[in-house]
Each structure stands twice: as structure tokens, then as C-alpha cells.
Protein backbone atom coordinates (compact mmCIF):
# COMPACT_ATOMS: atom_id res chain seq x y z
CA MET A 1 0.00 0.00 0.00
CA HIS A 2 2.78 2.42 0.96
CA GLU A 3 4.66 1.72 -2.28
CA LEU A 4 1.48 2.13 -4.36
CA TYR A 5 0.69 5.49 -2.82
CA HIS A 6 4.28 6.72 -3.08
CA ALA A 7 4.27 5.97 -6.81
CA HIS A 8 1.43 8.45 -7.22
CA HIS A 9 2.57 11.07 -4.68
CA PRO A 10 6.35 11.10 -4.10
CA HIS A 11 6.96 13.12 -0.94
CA ARG A 12 8.26 16.66 -1.05
CA MET A 13 9.88 18.51 1.85
CA GLU A 14 9.62 22.30 1.88
CA GLY A 15 12.18 24.46 3.62
CA GLY A 16 14.90 21.81 3.89
CA VAL A 17 16.24 20.43 7.17
CA LEU A 18 16.05 22.89 10.05
CA ALA A 19 18.11 22.88 13.22
CA PRO A 20 16.20 21.18 16.08
CA VAL A 21 15.38 24.45 17.89
CA ASP A 22 14.12 25.97 14.65
CA GLU A 23 12.01 22.91 13.94
CA LEU A 24 10.54 23.03 17.43
CA VAL A 25 9.62 26.70 17.11
CA LEU A 26 8.16 26.14 13.65
CA THR A 27 6.09 23.19 14.84
CA ILE A 28 4.73 25.16 17.80
CA LEU A 29 3.79 27.91 15.35
CA SER A 30 2.06 25.33 13.12
CA GLN A 31 -0.39 24.32 15.83
CA SER A 32 -3.98 25.14 14.79
CA THR A 33 -2.98 26.88 11.57
CA THR A 34 -1.90 26.13 8.02
CA ASP A 35 1.62 25.33 6.83
CA THR A 36 1.64 28.57 4.86
CA ASN A 37 0.83 30.66 7.91
CA SER A 38 3.28 28.82 10.16
CA TRP A 39 6.13 29.35 7.69
CA ARG A 40 5.19 33.02 7.32
CA GLY A 41 5.21 33.42 11.09
CA TYR A 42 8.52 31.59 11.39
CA HIS A 43 10.21 33.79 8.79
CA ALA A 44 8.69 36.91 10.36
CA LEU A 45 10.07 35.88 13.74
CA LYS A 46 13.53 35.24 12.30
CA ALA A 47 13.44 38.61 10.55
CA ALA A 48 12.35 40.49 13.68
CA PHE A 49 15.05 39.05 15.98
CA SER A 50 18.74 38.42 15.38
CA ASP A 51 18.85 35.07 17.18
CA TRP A 52 16.96 32.84 19.60
CA ASP A 53 18.56 34.54 22.60
CA SER A 54 16.95 37.78 21.46
CA VAL A 55 13.58 36.04 21.19
CA ALA A 56 13.97 34.58 24.68
CA ASP A 57 14.84 37.95 26.23
CA ALA A 58 12.33 40.14 24.37
CA PRO A 59 9.05 41.40 25.84
CA VAL A 60 6.47 38.73 25.12
CA GLU A 61 4.30 41.28 23.32
CA GLN A 62 7.01 41.79 20.70
CA VAL A 63 7.25 38.07 20.05
CA ALA A 64 3.48 37.80 19.80
CA MET A 65 3.39 40.67 17.32
CA ALA A 66 6.04 39.03 15.14
CA ILE A 67 4.10 35.75 14.91
CA LYS A 68 0.57 37.16 14.68
CA LEU A 69 0.20 35.68 11.18
CA CYS A 70 0.05 32.22 12.76
CA GLY A 71 -2.92 32.90 14.98
CA LEU A 72 -3.09 32.22 18.73
CA SER A 73 0.04 34.35 19.01
CA HIS A 74 -0.63 35.25 22.65
CA GLN A 75 -0.54 31.54 23.50
CA LYS A 76 2.35 30.56 21.26
CA ALA A 77 4.66 33.46 22.14
CA PRO A 78 4.99 32.65 25.86
CA ARG A 79 5.31 28.93 25.07
CA ILE A 80 8.17 29.58 22.67
CA GLN A 81 9.89 31.91 25.11
CA ALA A 82 9.53 29.44 27.97
CA VAL A 83 11.17 26.70 25.90
CA LEU A 84 14.04 28.95 24.83
CA GLN A 85 14.59 30.26 28.35
CA GLN A 86 14.59 26.77 29.85
CA LEU A 87 17.07 25.48 27.28
CA LYS A 88 19.42 28.37 28.03
CA ALA A 89 19.09 27.86 31.78
CA GLU A 90 19.74 24.11 31.57
CA HIS A 91 22.46 24.02 28.92
CA GLY A 92 24.03 27.49 28.94
CA GLU A 93 22.89 28.02 25.36
CA ILE A 94 19.76 27.60 23.30
CA THR A 95 20.30 24.26 21.62
CA LEU A 96 18.70 20.87 21.17
CA ASP A 97 21.66 19.30 19.39
CA PHE A 98 22.26 17.04 22.40
CA LEU A 99 19.13 15.10 21.41
CA GLN A 100 21.19 13.48 18.68
CA ASN A 101 23.09 11.54 21.33
CA ILE A 102 20.16 10.12 23.27
CA SER A 103 17.51 7.53 22.43
CA PRO A 104 14.29 8.50 20.61
CA ARG A 105 12.27 7.68 23.74
CA ALA A 106 14.45 9.87 25.93
CA GLY A 107 14.17 12.62 23.33
CA LEU A 108 10.38 12.36 23.33
CA ASP A 109 10.28 12.45 27.12
CA TYR A 110 12.50 15.52 27.23
CA LEU A 111 10.65 17.50 24.58
CA THR A 112 7.18 16.68 25.89
CA SER A 113 8.21 18.00 29.30
CA PHE A 114 7.80 21.50 27.87
CA ASN A 115 4.40 23.13 28.19
CA GLY A 116 2.59 23.09 24.86
CA VAL A 117 4.81 20.41 23.31
CA GLY A 118 2.95 17.17 22.67
CA ARG A 119 3.96 13.86 21.12
CA LYS A 120 3.39 15.05 17.54
CA THR A 121 5.46 18.21 17.96
CA ALA A 122 8.27 16.33 19.67
CA SER A 123 8.23 13.64 16.99
CA CYS A 124 8.50 16.22 14.22
CA VAL A 125 11.66 17.65 15.79
CA LEU A 126 13.27 14.23 16.20
CA LEU A 127 12.31 12.94 12.75
CA PHE A 128 12.78 16.01 10.56
CA SER A 129 15.83 17.58 12.19
CA LEU A 130 17.66 14.60 13.65
CA GLY A 131 16.53 11.65 11.55
CA LYS A 132 15.37 9.72 14.61
CA PRO A 133 13.01 6.77 13.96
CA VAL A 134 9.79 8.25 15.32
CA MET A 135 6.40 8.67 13.62
CA PRO A 136 4.60 12.02 14.00
CA VAL A 137 0.81 11.67 13.93
CA ASP A 138 -1.17 14.81 13.16
CA THR A 139 -4.88 15.08 12.34
CA HIS A 140 -4.34 14.05 8.71
CA VAL A 141 -2.27 10.98 9.55
CA HIS A 142 -4.75 9.99 12.25
CA ARG A 143 -7.77 10.37 9.96
CA VAL A 144 -6.28 8.67 6.89
CA THR A 145 -4.78 5.70 8.71
CA MET A 146 -8.05 5.18 10.56
CA ARG A 147 -10.00 5.17 7.29
CA LEU A 148 -7.51 2.77 5.75
CA GLY A 149 -7.97 0.44 8.69
CA LEU A 150 -4.40 0.64 9.93
CA ILE A 151 -5.70 1.79 13.32
CA ASN A 152 -9.06 1.21 14.97
CA LYS A 153 -11.66 3.92 15.38
CA ASP A 154 -11.15 4.08 19.13
CA VAL A 155 -7.39 4.70 18.86
CA THR A 156 -6.38 8.22 19.88
CA ALA A 157 -3.72 10.20 18.04
CA ASP A 158 -1.30 9.68 20.94
CA LYS A 159 -1.76 5.90 20.86
CA ALA A 160 -1.52 5.89 17.06
CA HIS A 161 2.13 6.95 17.24
CA ASP A 162 3.17 3.64 18.79
CA ILE A 163 0.90 1.50 16.60
CA LEU A 164 2.05 3.05 13.33
CA GLU A 165 5.70 2.79 14.37
CA LYS A 166 5.20 -0.98 14.56
CA ILE A 167 3.44 -1.18 11.18
CA VAL A 168 5.75 1.01 9.09
CA GLU A 169 9.44 0.29 8.59
CA PRO A 170 11.60 2.90 10.40
CA ASP A 171 13.36 3.88 7.18
CA ASP A 172 9.95 4.77 5.72
CA TYR A 173 8.66 6.92 8.58
CA LEU A 174 9.49 10.23 6.91
CA THR A 175 8.12 9.33 3.49
CA PHE A 176 5.02 7.72 4.98
CA HIS A 177 4.30 10.71 7.22
CA VAL A 178 4.70 13.33 4.49
CA ASN A 179 2.80 11.33 1.86
CA ILE A 180 -0.12 10.57 4.16
CA ILE A 181 -0.41 14.26 5.05
CA ALA A 182 -0.43 15.18 1.36
CA HIS A 183 -3.06 12.52 0.74
CA GLY A 184 -5.19 13.84 3.60
CA ARG A 185 -5.05 17.37 2.26
CA ARG A 186 -5.67 16.61 -1.40
CA ILE A 187 -7.75 13.43 -1.53
CA CYS A 188 -8.78 11.97 1.82
CA THR A 189 -10.14 15.21 3.22
CA ALA A 190 -12.12 15.40 6.44
CA ARG A 191 -15.26 16.28 4.52
CA ASN A 192 -16.20 14.87 1.12
CA PRO A 193 -13.13 12.69 0.51
CA GLN A 194 -12.35 12.21 -3.17
CA CYS A 195 -12.42 8.41 -3.12
CA GLN A 196 -12.80 8.18 -6.90
CA ALA A 197 -9.39 9.83 -7.30
CA CYS A 198 -7.66 7.74 -4.62
CA ALA A 199 -4.78 5.50 -5.73
CA ILE A 200 -5.32 3.10 -2.84
CA ALA A 201 -9.12 3.07 -2.63
CA GLU A 202 -9.32 -0.69 -3.15
CA LEU A 203 -7.25 -1.18 0.01
CA CYS A 204 -9.29 1.23 2.13
CA ASP A 205 -11.80 0.06 4.74
CA TYR A 206 -13.71 3.35 4.54
CA TYR A 207 -14.09 3.14 0.76
CA ASN A 208 -15.06 -0.52 0.75
CA LYS A 209 -17.71 0.00 3.45
CA ARG A 210 -19.19 2.88 1.45
């Protein structure tokens, strides 16, 4: 199934590989908004401040103003600052490079200890920036894999991380994640999914039940 879908929608990564701190900030900005808006907010933040130390030390209102394009800026700004300030206090500098030298589970535990950082956000940092074998599950991945029958209807997004990591080969986590998101946005949408245009419809529980 994965190979069949990939033949129709080879994955594309926008923006290249970011440093772990950058990926964490970007993923926090992406919460409850579109990719376009999160990237716009990220670039606006980078343009407004010279480095992450400046973001950490700035008045929270200035940070919120810089990322207003993302929405929920008055929630995201203090979360971002708290992460940056804690990293500096614990490590003497704002870095997450040390995550490369610890296990994926330890990395998940560390990142999810921050307020506002859940399993999906932490997994994005570990997978995209550090190449760690973890599977991020967002709303698209959760919905599509449930419709396909890879996870049961009563499985939460948090539980789906562990289940999908057992189903998909670790080397395929990145491609699977990005392709399933693309599929969820273009074809297997939350409302009115375009089943007639789906390359894997014959393998889909949702389609076959309809």
C-alpha cells in the first residue's frame, strides 16, 4: 500500500532540514494553523530578531506581534519563550543538538516535558531535524490511517504513534508521514473525501464499506 501510494505522490519537503530548535519553534507555530501561515510566522520571527537569545529575552508582546500571522500568538509566544529560556538555563545556550546523542524515547520524554509540546510536535523535531526513527501523527495521519484500517476507530492520536511505528518500517517513517499528510489534504479530506481519485481506494476500509 505504501509503495502504491508513493508511486502516485512522491513526498516533497519544503524548507529543507532545520536545526532542532528551529524545527521546534516552527512546529509550535504550526499548531492550529496552516503550513503557509506557520512558515510566514517563522520567517517573520527570524526577521524580527537576530537570534533565539533575542527572542527569549524580548518582551512577550514583541514576540506575539512578530508571529501574529500564525494565529493564537498570545498563546504561542509565551510557550516559545519558555522553551528557549529553559534550554538556556539548563544548557548554557539555546540548543537541542544534544538530542542526537540520546535515544528517541528519551528525546520524546525531554521534549514533551515542555508546556505546549505534545507527542506530535516532539516527533516532528526528532524525525525532521535529527533523523530519529519516530512517527509524528497529526490530524491528517490519524484520519487517513483510521479510514484505511491501519488503526481502529477508538485509537487516539497519541496511541496511534506507537501503533504506526510498529506497522511502518523505520526507514519509511518520513516518506510515509509526508505522503499521508499530502493525501489527507488533497484526496482523503475530512469532509467529502475524493475516493474516486484515490490511488489506494481498493485497500481502504472506509471506501469498501461505502
